[in-house]
Amino acid sequence: MDWRYFAQQMASMARDLLAEHTLDSTLEQITGSTVELVDGCDAAGILVLRGDRVTSLAPTEQLVNDSDRLQERLREGPCFDAARPDRAERVFRIPDFTEPAERWPSFVPHCRELGVGSMMGFLLYTREEELGALNVYSRKPGMFTEDSETAGWLLASHAAVAFSSARTDEQLQEAIATRHLIGEAMGILMGRHHVTEDQAFDLLRTHSQRSNTKLREVARRVRDTGTLKE
């Protein structure tokens, strides 16, 4: 492992991540850099776990999606475990899928059929939150060494910070857009029904509750059609 080159590329990746403008592009930069910088890595992706439901983010190949779906179906696997907040371990590795499985006995033989030879999973976390797992795959057995694991852990540390920051920015932009949309809808209702600002908001909120529709969607309908009616 050429650690000097790795450090230079990590510094470049950190700058590139700051330049990304969306959550999706940030995550794609992370997984693409993982394939490039981790020796032996053929594919990478980010697995997010909500309850027992798995979401695959920024997979570099279909292999990643297939493995994530398999782990979701079997309820086991290194990345599935890495993404679970109730587990103390933060790094998982299966060095050789051709060897008998000491852990994840259902997952290993099925994943071997997908063409995976070795893999690693790294918990993505910050001091405040746990976000998911960075998954690293090789089609060949025995490709991931201790150096590979160290490189993956360093990438995961940077990825967690970038992931958290990008998601916070996206949530803030969504909140601003929602507030603006609701303001437009209130203005339309105030002009049409000659009501106050508080009364216009109450109309939106009441319709949202009665129709079991998100307030943002009710406001969008008013903006687009001029009425609360569907």
C-alpha atoms as a PDB file:
ATOM      1  CA  MET A   1       0.000   0.000   0.000  1.00  0.00           C
ATOM      2  CA  ASP A   2       1.468   3.355  -1.080  1.00  0.00           C
ATOM      3  CA  TRP A   3       0.302   5.443   1.864  1.00  0.00           C
ATOM      4  CA  ARG A   4       1.790   8.674   0.499  1.00  0.00           C
ATOM      5  CA  TYR A   5      -0.292   8.334  -2.668  1.00  0.00           C
ATOM      6  CA  PHE A   6      -3.302   7.342  -0.586  1.00  0.00           C
ATOM      7  CA  ALA A   7      -2.946  10.454   1.609  1.00  0.00           C
ATOM      8  CA  GLN A   8      -2.711  12.683  -1.467  1.00  0.00           C
ATOM      9  CA  GLN A   9      -5.822  11.124  -2.964  1.00  0.00           C
ATOM     10  CA  MET A  10      -7.703  11.397   0.312  1.00  0.00           C
ATOM     11  CA  ALA A  11      -6.897  15.103   0.490  1.00  0.00           C
ATOM     12  CA  SER A  12      -8.119  15.520  -3.091  1.00  0.00           C
ATOM     13  CA  MET A  13     -11.295  13.568  -2.302  1.00  0.00           C
ATOM     14  CA  ALA A  14     -12.006  15.763   0.725  1.00  0.00           C
ATOM     15  CA  ARG A  15     -11.835  18.877  -1.477  1.00  0.00           C
ATOM     16  CA  ASP A  16     -14.006  17.260  -4.136  1.00  0.00           C
ATOM     17  CA  LEU A  17     -16.634  16.284  -1.572  1.00  0.00           C
ATOM     18  CA  LEU A  18     -16.937  19.894  -0.445  1.00  0.00           C
ATOM     19  CA  ALA A  19     -17.629  20.881  -4.049  1.00  0.00           C
ATOM     20  CA  GLU A  20     -20.537  18.460  -4.470  1.00  0.00           C
ATOM     21  CA  HIS A  21     -23.980  20.069  -4.392  1.00  0.00           C
ATOM     22  CA  THR A  22     -26.315  17.130  -3.776  1.00  0.00           C
ATOM     23  CA  LEU A  23     -26.474  14.152  -1.459  1.00  0.00           C
ATOM     24  CA  ASP A  24     -26.499  11.700  -4.382  1.00  0.00           C
ATOM     25  CA  SER A  25     -23.391  13.190  -5.988  1.00  0.00           C
ATOM     26  CA  THR A  26     -21.601  13.209  -2.620  1.00  0.00           C
ATOM     27  CA  LEU A  27     -22.313   9.510  -2.074  1.00  0.00           C
ATOM     28  CA  GLU A  28     -21.312   8.643  -5.645  1.00  0.00           C
ATOM     29  CA  GLN A  29     -18.012  10.430  -5.091  1.00  0.00           C
ATOM     30  CA  ILE A  30     -17.467   8.377  -1.927  1.00  0.00           C
ATOM     31  CA  THR A  31     -18.139   4.971  -3.467  1.00  0.00           C
ATOM     32  CA  GLY A  32     -16.205   5.811  -6.628  1.00  0.00           C
ATOM     33  CA  SER A  33     -13.191   6.848  -4.545  1.00  0.00           C
ATOM     34  CA  THR A  34     -13.463   3.615  -2.558  1.00  0.00           C
ATOM     35  CA  VAL A  35     -13.137   1.510  -5.721  1.00  0.00           C
ATOM     36  CA  GLU A  36     -10.180   3.605  -6.805  1.00  0.00           C
ATOM     37  CA  LEU A  37      -8.278   3.753  -3.520  1.00  0.00           C
ATOM     38  CA  VAL A  38      -8.839   0.420  -1.742  1.00  0.00           C
ATOM     39  CA  ASP A  39      -6.551  -2.271  -3.135  1.00  0.00           C
ATOM     40  CA  GLY A  40      -8.540  -5.181  -4.535  1.00  0.00           C
ATOM     41  CA  CYS A  41     -11.887  -3.372  -4.499  1.00  0.00           C
ATOM     42  CA  ASP A  42     -14.082  -4.099  -7.528  1.00  0.00           C
ATOM     43  CA  ALA A  43     -17.326  -2.558  -6.289  1.00  0.00           C
ATOM     44  CA  ALA A  44     -18.626  -0.430  -3.423  1.00  0.00           C
ATOM     45  CA  GLY A  45     -21.876   0.955  -2.082  1.00  0.00           C
ATOM     46  CA  ILE A  46     -23.576   2.378   0.995  1.00  0.00           C
ATOM     47  CA  LEU A  47     -26.249   0.412   2.837  1.00  0.00           C
ATOM     48  CA  VAL A  48     -28.744   2.243   5.043  1.00  0.00           C
ATOM     49  CA  LEU A  49     -30.862   0.236   7.457  1.00  0.00           C
ATOM     50  CA  ARG A  50     -34.233   1.428   8.764  1.00  0.00           C
ATOM     51  CA  GLY A  51     -35.725  -1.259  10.947  1.00  0.00           C
ATOM     52  CA  ASP A  52     -35.172  -4.333   8.803  1.00  0.00           C
ATOM     53  CA  ARG A  53     -35.513  -2.472   5.514  1.00  0.00           C
ATOM     54  CA  VAL A  54     -32.377  -1.943   3.450  1.00  0.00           C
ATOM     55  CA  THR A  55     -31.719   0.955   1.084  1.00  0.00           C
ATOM     56  CA  SER A  56     -28.793   0.819  -1.360  1.00  0.00           C
ATOM     57  CA  LEU A  57     -27.146   4.174  -2.063  1.00  0.00           C
ATOM     58  CA  ALA A  58     -24.591   5.022  -4.763  1.00  0.00           C
ATOM     59  CA  PRO A  59     -23.768   1.414  -5.767  1.00  0.00           C
ATOM     60  CA  THR A  60     -20.981   1.245  -8.331  1.00  0.00           C
ATOM     61  CA  GLU A  61     -22.284  -2.060  -9.754  1.00  0.00           C
ATOM     62  CA  GLN A  62     -25.412  -4.218  -9.705  1.00  0.00           C
ATOM     63  CA  LEU A  63     -23.463  -6.667  -7.551  1.00  0.00           C
ATOM     64  CA  VAL A  64     -23.826  -4.246  -4.628  1.00  0.00           C
ATOM     65  CA  ASN A  65     -27.609  -4.059  -4.985  1.00  0.00           C
ATOM     66  CA  ASP A  66     -27.840  -7.842  -5.214  1.00  0.00           C
ATOM     67  CA  SER A  67     -25.782  -8.300  -2.053  1.00  0.00           C
ATOM     68  CA  ASP A  68     -27.831  -5.707  -0.158  1.00  0.00           C
ATOM     69  CA  ARG A  69     -31.103  -7.362  -1.157  1.00  0.00           C
ATOM     70  CA  LEU A  70     -29.690 -10.734  -0.115  1.00  0.00           C
ATOM     71  CA  GLN A  71     -28.690  -9.408   3.301  1.00  0.00           C
ATOM     72  CA  GLU A  72     -32.122  -7.853   3.749  1.00  0.00           C
ATOM     73  CA  ARG A  73     -33.860 -11.109   2.836  1.00  0.00           C
ATOM     74  CA  LEU A  74     -31.635 -13.266   5.072  1.00  0.00           C
ATOM     75  CA  ARG A  75     -31.377 -10.681   7.873  1.00  0.00           C
ATOM     76  CA  GLU A  76     -27.639 -11.332   8.093  1.00  0.00           C
ATOM     77  CA  GLY A  77     -24.348 -10.266   6.560  1.00  0.00           C
ATOM     78  CA  PRO A  78     -21.363  -8.038   7.376  1.00  0.00           C
ATOM     79  CA  CYS A  79     -22.834  -4.842   5.963  1.00  0.00           C
ATOM     80  CA  PHE A  80     -26.259  -5.528   7.469  1.00  0.00           C
ATOM     81  CA  ASP A  81     -24.572  -5.911  10.862  1.00  0.00           C
ATOM     82  CA  ALA A  82     -22.310  -2.884  10.364  1.00  0.00           C
ATOM     83  CA  ALA A  83     -25.358  -0.700   9.728  1.00  0.00           C
ATOM     84  CA  ARG A  84     -27.155  -1.846  12.890  1.00  0.00           C
ATOM     85  CA  PRO A  85     -26.898   0.728  15.714  1.00  0.00           C
ATOM     86  CA  ASP A  86     -27.124  -1.980  18.400  1.00  0.00           C
ATOM     87  CA  ARG A  87     -23.847  -3.648  17.383  1.00  0.00           C
ATOM     88  CA  ALA A  88     -20.553  -2.633  19.011  1.00  0.00           C
ATOM     89  CA  GLU A  89     -18.433  -3.743  16.046  1.00  0.00           C
ATOM     90  CA  ARG A  90     -17.728  -1.115  13.418  1.00  0.00           C
ATOM     91  CA  VAL A  91     -15.649  -3.098  10.907  1.00  0.00           C
ATOM     92  CA  PHE A  92     -16.518  -6.495   9.413  1.00  0.00           C
ATOM     93  CA  ARG A  93     -14.561  -8.597   6.961  1.00  0.00           C
ATOM     94  CA  ILE A  94     -15.071 -11.873   5.097  1.00  0.00           C
ATOM     95  CA  PRO A  95     -11.613 -12.562   3.659  1.00  0.00           C
ATOM     96  CA  ASP A  96     -12.445 -15.623   1.567  1.00  0.00           C
ATOM     97  CA  PHE A  97     -15.874 -16.766   0.401  1.00  0.00           C
ATOM     98  CA  THR A  98     -14.484 -20.132  -0.680  1.00  0.00           C
ATOM     99  CA  GLU A  99     -13.754 -21.045   2.962  1.00  0.00           C
ATOM    100  CA  PRO A 100     -16.384 -22.472   5.348  1.00  0.00           C
ATOM    101  CA  ALA A 101     -18.393 -19.645   6.911  1.00  0.00           C
ATOM    102  CA  GLU A 102     -17.597 -18.980  10.562  1.00  0.00           C
ATOM    103  CA  ARG A 103     -20.192 -16.191  10.613  1.00  0.00           C
ATOM    104  CA  TRP A 104     -23.253 -15.490   8.478  1.00  0.00           C
ATOM    105  CA  PRO A 105     -23.665 -19.143   7.384  1.00  0.00           C
ATOM    106  CA  SER A 106     -26.687 -18.427   5.191  1.00  0.00           C
ATOM    107  CA  PHE A 107     -25.332 -15.293   3.568  1.00  0.00           C
ATOM    108  CA  VAL A 108     -21.842 -16.493   2.581  1.00  0.00           C
ATOM    109  CA  PRO A 109     -22.775 -19.337   0.176  1.00  0.00           C
ATOM    110  CA  HIS A 110     -25.537 -17.287  -1.462  1.00  0.00           C
ATOM    111  CA  CYS A 111     -23.241 -14.283  -1.904  1.00  0.00           C
ATOM    112  CA  ARG A 112     -20.545 -16.536  -3.359  1.00  0.00           C
ATOM    113  CA  GLU A 113     -23.058 -17.430  -6.069  1.00  0.00           C
ATOM    114  CA  LEU A 114     -23.260 -13.714  -6.923  1.00  0.00           C
ATOM    115  CA  GLY A 115     -19.556 -13.780  -7.739  1.00  0.00           C
ATOM    116  CA  VAL A 116     -18.173 -12.244  -4.533  1.00  0.00           C
ATOM    117  CA  GLY A 117     -14.779 -13.508  -3.388  1.00  0.00           C
ATOM    118  CA  SER A 118     -14.182 -11.256  -0.371  1.00  0.00           C
ATOM    119  CA  MET A 119     -15.797  -8.222   1.217  1.00  0.00           C
ATOM    120  CA  MET A 120     -15.680  -5.708   4.049  1.00  0.00           C
ATOM    121  CA  GLY A 121     -18.233  -3.502   5.808  1.00  0.00           C
ATOM    122  CA  PHE A 122     -17.547  -0.276   7.716  1.00  0.00           C
ATOM    123  CA  LEU A 123     -19.996   1.562   9.960  1.00  0.00           C
ATOM    124  CA  LEU A 124     -20.549   5.160   8.881  1.00  0.00           C
ATOM    125  CA  TYR A 125     -20.903   7.235  12.017  1.00  0.00           C
ATOM    126  CA  THR A 126     -20.206  10.626  13.542  1.00  0.00           C
ATOM    127  CA  ARG A 127     -20.266  11.667  17.187  1.00  0.00           C
ATOM    128  CA  GLU A 128     -23.973  12.471  16.875  1.00  0.00           C
ATOM    129  CA  GLU A 129     -25.373   9.754  14.610  1.00  0.00           C
ATOM    130  CA  GLU A 130     -24.952   6.430  12.856  1.00  0.00           C
ATOM    131  CA  LEU A 131     -25.718   6.592   9.147  1.00  0.00           C
ATOM    132  CA  GLY A 132     -25.275   3.155   7.574  1.00  0.00           C
ATOM    133  CA  ALA A 133     -22.397   1.075   6.238  1.00  0.00           C
ATOM    134  CA  LEU A 134     -19.806   1.468   3.498  1.00  0.00           C
ATOM    135  CA  ASN A 135     -19.528  -1.872   1.682  1.00  0.00           C
ATOM    136  CA  VAL A 136     -16.426  -2.989  -0.202  1.00  0.00           C
ATOM    137  CA  TYR A 137     -16.397  -5.996  -2.559  1.00  0.00           C
ATOM    138  CA  SER A 138     -13.841  -8.022  -4.492  1.00  0.00           C
ATOM    139  CA  ARG A 139     -14.573 -10.803  -6.956  1.00  0.00           C
ATOM    140  CA  LYS A 140     -11.406 -12.610  -5.874  1.00  0.00           C
ATOM    141  CA  PRO A 141     -10.868 -14.370  -2.531  1.00  0.00           C
ATOM    142  CA  GLY A 142      -8.245 -13.119  -0.115  1.00  0.00           C
ATOM    143  CA  MET A 143      -7.888  -9.674  -1.675  1.00  0.00           C
ATOM    144  CA  PHE A 144      -8.420  -7.572   1.450  1.00  0.00           C
ATOM    145  CA  THR A 145      -5.505  -7.234   3.849  1.00  0.00           C
ATOM    146  CA  GLU A 146      -5.040  -5.259   7.055  1.00  0.00           C
ATOM    147  CA  ASP A 147      -3.882  -2.349   4.884  1.00  0.00           C
ATOM    148  CA  SER A 148      -7.099  -2.618   2.874  1.00  0.00           C
ATOM    149  CA  GLU A 149      -9.077  -2.542   6.086  1.00  0.00           C
ATOM    150  CA  THR A 150      -7.192   0.521   7.332  1.00  0.00           C
ATOM    151  CA  ALA A 151      -7.771   2.304   4.013  1.00  0.00           C
ATOM    152  CA  GLY A 152     -11.468   1.402   4.111  1.00  0.00           C
ATOM    153  CA  TRP A 153     -11.813   2.644   7.672  1.00  0.00           C
ATOM    154  CA  LEU A 154     -10.174   5.977   6.777  1.00  0.00           C
ATOM    155  CA  LEU A 155     -12.456   6.364   3.771  1.00  0.00           C
ATOM    156  CA  ALA A 156     -15.473   5.508   5.894  1.00  0.00           C
ATOM    157  CA  SER A 157     -14.508   8.168   8.437  1.00  0.00           C
ATOM    158  CA  HIS A 158     -14.364  10.859   5.743  1.00  0.00           C
ATOM    159  CA  ALA A 159     -17.500   9.477   4.121  1.00  0.00           C
ATOM    160  CA  ALA A 160     -19.512   9.669   7.346  1.00  0.00           C
ATOM    161  CA  VAL A 161     -18.736  13.359   7.815  1.00  0.00           C
ATOM    162  CA  ALA A 162     -19.503  14.176   4.173  1.00  0.00           C
ATOM    163  CA  PHE A 163     -22.675  12.060   4.236  1.00  0.00           C
ATOM    164  CA  SER A 164     -23.942  13.744   7.396  1.00  0.00           C
ATOM    165  CA  SER A 165     -23.151  17.236   6.112  1.00  0.00           C
ATOM    166  CA  ALA A 166     -24.727  16.638   2.697  1.00  0.00           C
ATOM    167  CA  ARG A 167     -27.862  15.158   4.248  1.00  0.00           C
ATOM    168  CA  THR A 168     -28.190  18.109   6.633  1.00  0.00           C
ATOM    169  CA  ASP A 169     -27.841  20.546   3.718  1.00  0.00           C
ATOM    170  CA  GLU A 170     -30.440  18.634   1.721  1.00  0.00           C
ATOM    171  CA  GLN A 171     -32.872  18.624   4.651  1.00  0.00           C
ATOM    172  CA  LEU A 172     -32.347  22.370   5.143  1.00  0.00           C
ATOM    173  CA  GLN A 173     -32.975  23.107   1.470  1.00  0.00           C
ATOM    174  CA  GLU A 174     -36.091  20.943   1.553  1.00  0.00           C
ATOM    175  CA  ALA A 175     -37.349  22.758   4.647  1.00  0.00           C
ATOM    176  CA  ILE A 176     -36.796  26.144   2.998  1.00  0.00           C
ATOM    177  CA  ALA A 177     -38.593  24.987  -0.162  1.00  0.00           C
ATOM    178  CA  THR A 178     -41.502  23.642   1.887  1.00  0.00           C
ATOM    179  CA  ARG A 179     -41.831  26.880   3.826  1.00  0.00           C
ATOM    180  CA  HIS A 180     -41.852  28.866   0.584  1.00  0.00           C
ATOM    181  CA  LEU A 181     -44.447  26.538  -0.960  1.00  0.00           C
ATOM    182  CA  ILE A 182     -46.735  26.825   2.080  1.00  0.00           C
ATOM    183  CA  GLY A 183     -46.382  30.610   1.965  1.00  0.00           C
ATOM    184  CA  GLU A 184     -47.479  30.662  -1.681  1.00  0.00           C
ATOM    185  CA  ALA A 185     -50.496  28.459  -0.913  1.00  0.00           C
ATOM    186  CA  MET A 186     -51.496  30.625   2.045  1.00  0.00           C
ATOM    187  CA  GLY A 187     -51.344  33.725  -0.134  1.00  0.00           C
ATOM    188  CA  ILE A 188     -53.652  32.104  -2.686  1.00  0.00           C
ATOM    189  CA  LEU A 189     -56.168  31.065   0.002  1.00  0.00           C
ATOM    190  CA  MET A 190     -56.077  34.508   1.637  1.00  0.00           C
ATOM    191  CA  GLY A 191     -56.917  36.175  -1.667  1.00  0.00           C
ATOM    192  CA  ARG A 192     -59.571  33.643  -2.715  1.00  0.00           C
ATOM    193  CA  HIS A 193     -61.384  33.292   0.617  1.00  0.00           C
ATOM    194  CA  HIS A 194     -60.579  36.691   2.172  1.00  0.00           C
ATOM    195  CA  VAL A 195     -59.121  35.111   5.320  1.00  0.00           C
ATOM    196  CA  THR A 196     -56.222  36.032   7.562  1.00  0.00           C
ATOM    197  CA  GLU A 197     -52.799  34.425   7.439  1.00  0.00           C
ATOM    198  CA  ASP A 198     -53.546  32.273  10.494  1.00  0.00           C
ATOM    199  CA  GLN A 199     -56.891  31.186   9.036  1.00  0.00           C
ATOM    200  CA  ALA A 200     -55.247  30.279   5.715  1.00  0.00           C
ATOM    201  CA  PHE A 201     -52.716  28.101   7.512  1.00  0.00           C
ATOM    202  CA  ASP A 202     -55.512  26.454   9.513  1.00  0.00           C
ATOM    203  CA  LEU A 203     -57.285  25.609   6.244  1.00  0.00           C
ATOM    204  CA  LEU A 204     -54.142  23.908   4.929  1.00  0.00           C
ATOM    205  CA  ARG A 205     -53.495  22.051   8.174  1.00  0.00           C
ATOM    206  CA  THR A 206     -57.093  20.892   8.592  1.00  0.00           C
ATOM    207  CA  HIS A 207     -57.257  19.591   5.022  1.00  0.00           C
ATOM    208  CA  SER A 208     -53.915  17.847   5.500  1.00  0.00           C
ATOM    209  CA  GLN A 209     -55.185  16.058   8.597  1.00  0.00           C
ATOM    210  CA  ARG A 210     -58.579  15.108   7.172  1.00  0.00           C
ATOM    211  CA  SER A 211     -57.185  13.808   3.892  1.00  0.00           C
ATOM    212  CA  ASN A 212     -54.139  12.168   5.524  1.00  0.00           C
ATOM    213  CA  THR A 213     -51.940  14.071   3.088  1.00  0.00           C
ATOM    214  CA  LYS A 214     -48.654  15.769   3.889  1.00  0.00           C
ATOM    215  CA  LEU A 215     -48.967  19.528   4.399  1.00  0.00           C
ATOM    216  CA  ARG A 216     -46.419  20.123   1.649  1.00  0.00           C
ATOM    217  CA  GLU A 217     -48.495  18.164  -0.873  1.00  0.00           C
ATOM    218  CA  VAL A 218     -51.665  20.047   0.081  1.00  0.00           C
ATOM    219  CA  ALA A 219     -49.817  23.341  -0.393  1.00  0.00           C
ATOM    220  CA  ARG A 220     -48.493  22.207  -3.788  1.00  0.00           C
ATOM    221  CA  ARG A 221     -52.039  21.366  -4.923  1.00  0.00           C
ATOM    222  CA  VAL A 222     -53.271  24.813  -3.893  1.00  0.00           C
ATOM    223  CA  ARG A 223     -50.378  26.474  -5.689  1.00  0.00           C
ATOM    224  CA  ASP A 224     -50.953  24.458  -8.870  1.00  0.00           C
ATOM    225  CA  THR A 225     -54.768  24.436  -8.955  1.00  0.00           C
ATOM    226  CA  GLY A 226     -55.838  27.334  -6.737  1.00  0.00           C
ATOM    227  CA  THR A 227     -58.069  25.107  -4.615  1.00  0.00           C
ATOM    228  CA  LEU A 228     -57.928  22.623  -1.755  1.00  0.00           C
ATOM    229  CA  LYS A 229     -60.161  20.188  -3.637  1.00  0.00           C
ATOM    230  CA  GLU A 230     -58.569  17.189  -5.292  1.00  0.00           C
END
